[in-house]
Amino acid sequence: MNLVTKDYFYSNLYKGNDPASKKYLDQNSKFIREALKTFKEYDLAW
């Protein structure tokens, strides 16, 4: 249950003060989420 309720995206786990790194991680996470959504639509991921 902890895996479902906890947020594991790098942009949210990042503890540093560098806004550029935070932005990069957030954009990267969004791309990965969109890719996973596409895979799920075609039953290529679970």
N, C-alpha and C. Protein backbone atom coordinates (compact mmCIF):
# COMPACT_ATOMS: atom_id res chain seq x y z
N MET A 1 0.82 -1.20 0.00
CA MET A 1 0.00 0.00 0.00
C MET A 1 0.87 1.26 0.00
N ASN A 2 2.03 1.19 0.62
CA ASN A 2 2.91 2.34 0.66
C ASN A 2 3.38 2.73 -0.74
N LEU A 3 3.59 1.77 -1.62
CA LEU A 3 4.03 2.07 -2.98
C LEU A 3 2.98 2.86 -3.74
N VAL A 4 1.72 2.63 -3.43
CA VAL A 4 0.63 3.32 -4.13
C VAL A 4 0.44 4.74 -3.58
N THR A 5 0.58 4.90 -2.29
CA THR A 5 0.28 6.20 -1.68
C THR A 5 1.45 7.16 -1.68
N LYS A 6 2.68 6.67 -1.74
CA LYS A 6 3.85 7.55 -1.68
C LYS A 6 4.24 8.01 -3.08
N ASP A 7 4.71 9.24 -3.17
CA ASP A 7 5.13 9.81 -4.45
C ASP A 7 6.62 9.55 -4.66
N TYR A 8 6.97 8.86 -5.74
CA TYR A 8 8.36 8.49 -5.99
C TYR A 8 8.99 9.24 -7.16
N PHE A 9 8.34 10.27 -7.69
CA PHE A 9 8.91 10.99 -8.81
C PHE A 9 10.12 11.79 -8.36
N TYR A 10 11.18 11.78 -9.18
CA TYR A 10 12.43 12.44 -8.81
C TYR A 10 12.24 13.92 -8.51
N SER A 11 11.36 14.57 -9.28
CA SER A 11 11.18 16.01 -9.05
C SER A 11 10.60 16.29 -7.68
N ASN A 12 9.82 15.40 -7.15
CA ASN A 12 9.24 15.59 -5.82
C ASN A 12 10.17 15.10 -4.71
N LEU A 13 11.08 14.20 -5.04
CA LEU A 13 12.03 13.70 -4.05
C LEU A 13 13.27 14.58 -3.94
N TYR A 14 13.50 15.42 -4.93
CA TYR A 14 14.70 16.26 -4.98
C TYR A 14 14.70 17.25 -3.81
N LYS A 15 15.78 17.28 -3.05
CA LYS A 15 15.86 18.12 -1.86
C LYS A 15 16.76 19.33 -2.04
N GLY A 16 17.38 19.49 -3.21
CA GLY A 16 18.31 20.59 -3.42
C GLY A 16 17.62 21.92 -3.64
N ASN A 17 18.44 22.98 -3.78
CA ASN A 17 17.92 24.33 -3.98
C ASN A 17 18.04 24.82 -5.41
N ASP A 18 18.54 23.99 -6.30
CA ASP A 18 18.78 24.41 -7.68
C ASP A 18 17.48 24.36 -8.49
N PRO A 19 16.92 25.52 -8.87
CA PRO A 19 15.65 25.51 -9.61
C PRO A 19 15.76 24.87 -10.99
N ALA A 20 16.92 24.98 -11.63
CA ALA A 20 17.09 24.39 -12.96
C ALA A 20 17.02 22.86 -12.87
N SER A 21 17.64 22.29 -11.85
CA SER A 21 17.58 20.83 -11.67
C SER A 21 16.17 20.39 -11.37
N LYS A 22 15.47 21.13 -10.54
CA LYS A 22 14.08 20.81 -10.19
C LYS A 22 13.20 20.85 -11.44
N LYS A 23 13.38 21.88 -12.27
CA LYS A 23 12.59 22.01 -13.51
C LYS A 23 12.89 20.85 -14.46
N TYR A 24 14.18 20.51 -14.62
CA TYR A 24 14.57 19.41 -15.50
C TYR A 24 13.94 18.11 -15.03
N LEU A 25 14.02 17.83 -13.74
CA LEU A 25 13.45 16.59 -13.22
C LEU A 25 11.94 16.56 -13.39
N ASP A 26 11.29 17.70 -13.22
CA ASP A 26 9.84 17.77 -13.38
C ASP A 26 9.45 17.51 -14.84
N GLN A 27 10.15 18.13 -15.78
CA GLN A 27 9.86 17.91 -17.20
C GLN A 27 10.12 16.47 -17.59
N ASN A 28 11.20 15.90 -17.10
CA ASN A 28 11.54 14.52 -17.39
C ASN A 28 10.47 13.58 -16.84
N SER A 29 9.99 13.85 -15.63
CA SER A 29 8.95 13.03 -15.02
C SER A 29 7.65 13.10 -15.83
N LYS A 30 7.31 14.30 -16.31
CA LYS A 30 6.10 14.45 -17.12
C LYS A 30 6.21 13.65 -18.41
N PHE A 31 7.39 13.67 -19.04
CA PHE A 31 7.60 12.90 -20.27
C PHE A 31 7.43 11.41 -20.00
N ILE A 32 8.02 10.94 -18.92
CA ILE A 32 7.93 9.52 -18.59
C ILE A 32 6.48 9.13 -18.28
N ARG A 33 5.75 9.98 -17.56
CA ARG A 33 4.34 9.69 -17.26
C ARG A 33 3.52 9.60 -18.54
N GLU A 34 3.77 10.50 -19.49
CA GLU A 34 3.05 10.46 -20.77
C GLU A 34 3.40 9.21 -21.56
N ALA A 35 4.67 8.83 -21.55
CA ALA A 35 5.08 7.61 -22.26
C ALA A 35 4.41 6.38 -21.63
N LEU A 36 4.38 6.31 -20.32
CA LEU A 36 3.73 5.18 -19.65
C LEU A 36 2.23 5.14 -19.94
N LYS A 37 1.61 6.32 -19.99
CA LYS A 37 0.18 6.38 -20.31
C LYS A 37 -0.08 5.82 -21.71
N THR A 38 0.79 6.18 -22.66
CA THR A 38 0.66 5.67 -24.02
C THR A 38 0.83 4.15 -24.06
N PHE A 39 1.84 3.65 -23.34
CA PHE A 39 2.06 2.20 -23.29
C PHE A 39 0.85 1.49 -22.68
N LYS A 40 0.26 2.06 -21.66
CA LYS A 40 -0.90 1.44 -21.02
C LYS A 40 -2.10 1.42 -21.97
N GLU A 41 -2.26 2.47 -22.76
CA GLU A 41 -3.37 2.52 -23.72
C GLU A 41 -3.28 1.39 -24.73
N TYR A 42 -2.08 0.98 -25.09
CA TYR A 42 -1.88 -0.09 -26.05
C TYR A 42 -1.56 -1.42 -25.39
N ASP A 43 -1.84 -1.52 -24.08
CA ASP A 43 -1.61 -2.74 -23.30
C ASP A 43 -0.17 -3.23 -23.39
N LEU A 44 0.78 -2.30 -23.42
CA LEU A 44 2.19 -2.66 -23.44
C LEU A 44 2.83 -2.51 -22.06
N ALA A 45 2.08 -1.98 -21.12
CA ALA A 45 2.56 -1.81 -19.74
C ALA A 45 1.39 -2.04 -18.80
N TRP A 46 1.71 -2.22 -17.53
CA TRP A 46 0.65 -2.45 -16.55
C TRP A 46 0.67 -1.38 -15.49
